[in-house]
Amino acid sequence: MKTIFEQAVEDSKNLKSKPSNESLLQLYSFYKQATVGNITAEASSNPFDFVAKAKFEAWQNCAGMDRQTAEQEYINLVEKLKG
C-alpha cells in the first residue's frame, strides 16, 4: 500500500500541465529533504551550471526541515498543482 507521499510523487508525474520552474524547484527541494535529509553536497563549481545552482539553493533552503514536514509540503504543493 502506497503512502500519501508516494502517491503524491506519482501524481506529480502526471500533472495536466507542466509546473512553473519555481514550483518544480519546490517539488525537488521538498522531495530531496523528505527522502535524503539536509543537503551535504557542495555547490557546483561550474558558474554556468544554473540548473545545478538553483537546485542546490532550493534544497539548501529546506535545511533543518524534518522528513514529515517536507513530505507534507510536497503533498500540499502537488494537490495545489492538481487544482
Protein backbone atom coordinates (compact mmCIF):
# COMPACT_ATOMS: atom_id res chain seq x y z
CA MET A 1 0.00 0.00 0.00
CA LYS A 2 1.37 3.38 -1.00
CA THR A 3 1.71 6.18 1.46
CA ILE A 4 0.12 9.53 0.71
CA PHE A 5 3.61 10.88 -0.04
CA GLU A 6 4.35 8.08 -2.53
CA GLN A 7 1.02 8.73 -4.22
CA ALA A 8 1.81 12.44 -4.44
CA VAL A 9 5.14 11.59 -6.11
CA GLU A 10 3.24 9.50 -8.69
CA ASP A 11 0.65 12.24 -9.13
CA SER A 12 3.38 14.84 -9.72
CA LYS A 13 4.50 12.88 -12.79
CA ASN A 14 1.01 13.06 -14.32
CA LEU A 15 0.00 16.69 -13.88
CA LYS A 16 -2.17 18.14 -16.66
CA SER A 17 0.25 20.98 -17.29
CA LYS A 18 3.94 21.46 -16.59
CA PRO A 19 4.51 23.40 -13.36
CA SER A 20 6.49 26.62 -13.36
CA ASN A 21 10.23 26.43 -12.76
CA GLU A 22 9.65 27.79 -9.26
CA SER A 23 7.15 25.02 -8.49
CA LEU A 24 9.49 22.40 -9.95
CA LEU A 25 12.29 23.63 -7.69
CA GLN A 26 9.98 23.49 -4.69
CA LEU A 27 8.93 19.94 -5.56
CA TYR A 28 12.58 18.97 -5.97
CA SER A 29 13.68 20.51 -2.69
CA PHE A 30 10.80 19.04 -0.64
CA TYR A 31 11.35 15.61 -2.23
CA LYS A 32 15.09 15.63 -1.54
CA GLN A 33 14.59 16.86 2.03
CA ALA A 34 11.96 14.17 2.63
CA THR A 35 13.98 11.32 1.12
CA VAL A 36 17.61 12.29 1.84
CA GLY A 37 17.55 14.95 4.57
CA ASN A 38 19.75 18.01 4.80
CA ILE A 39 21.97 18.65 1.81
CA THR A 40 25.57 17.56 2.32
CA ALA A 41 26.95 18.11 -1.18
CA GLU A 42 28.91 21.16 -2.21
CA ALA A 43 27.53 23.64 -4.70
CA SER A 44 28.57 23.12 -8.31
CA SER A 45 31.90 24.73 -9.06
CA ASN A 46 30.78 25.47 -12.61
CA PRO A 47 29.49 29.06 -12.57
CA PHE A 48 27.47 28.40 -15.75
CA ASP A 49 25.55 25.41 -14.40
CA PHE A 50 22.50 27.46 -13.49
CA VAL A 51 20.20 24.46 -13.05
CA ALA A 52 22.51 22.78 -10.54
CA LYS A 53 22.92 26.06 -8.67
CA ALA A 54 19.14 26.62 -8.50
CA LYS A 55 18.54 23.05 -7.27
CA PHE A 56 21.30 23.37 -4.68
CA GLU A 57 19.90 26.64 -3.33
CA ALA A 58 16.33 25.32 -3.28
CA TRP A 59 17.32 22.23 -1.31
CA GLN A 60 19.57 24.26 0.97
CA ASN A 61 16.56 26.45 1.83
CA CYS A 62 14.90 23.35 3.35
CA ALA A 63 17.81 22.69 5.72
CA GLY A 64 16.56 21.74 9.16
CA MET A 65 13.09 20.75 7.95
CA ASP A 66 12.11 17.32 9.30
CA ARG A 67 11.06 14.49 6.98
CA GLN A 68 7.37 14.62 7.88
CA THR A 69 7.14 18.35 7.25
CA ALA A 70 8.93 18.03 3.91
CA GLU A 71 6.59 15.21 2.89
CA GLN A 72 3.54 17.26 3.87
CA GLU A 73 4.80 20.33 2.00
CA TYR A 74 5.36 18.16 -1.09
CA ILE A 75 1.86 16.67 -0.81
CA ASN A 76 0.31 20.13 -0.35
CA LEU A 77 2.13 21.50 -3.40
CA VAL A 78 1.12 18.56 -5.62
CA GLU A 79 -2.51 18.98 -4.53
CA LYS A 80 -2.32 22.68 -5.35
CA LEU A 81 -0.81 21.95 -8.77
CA LYS A 82 -3.50 19.34 -9.49
CA GLY A 83 -6.05 22.09 -8.97
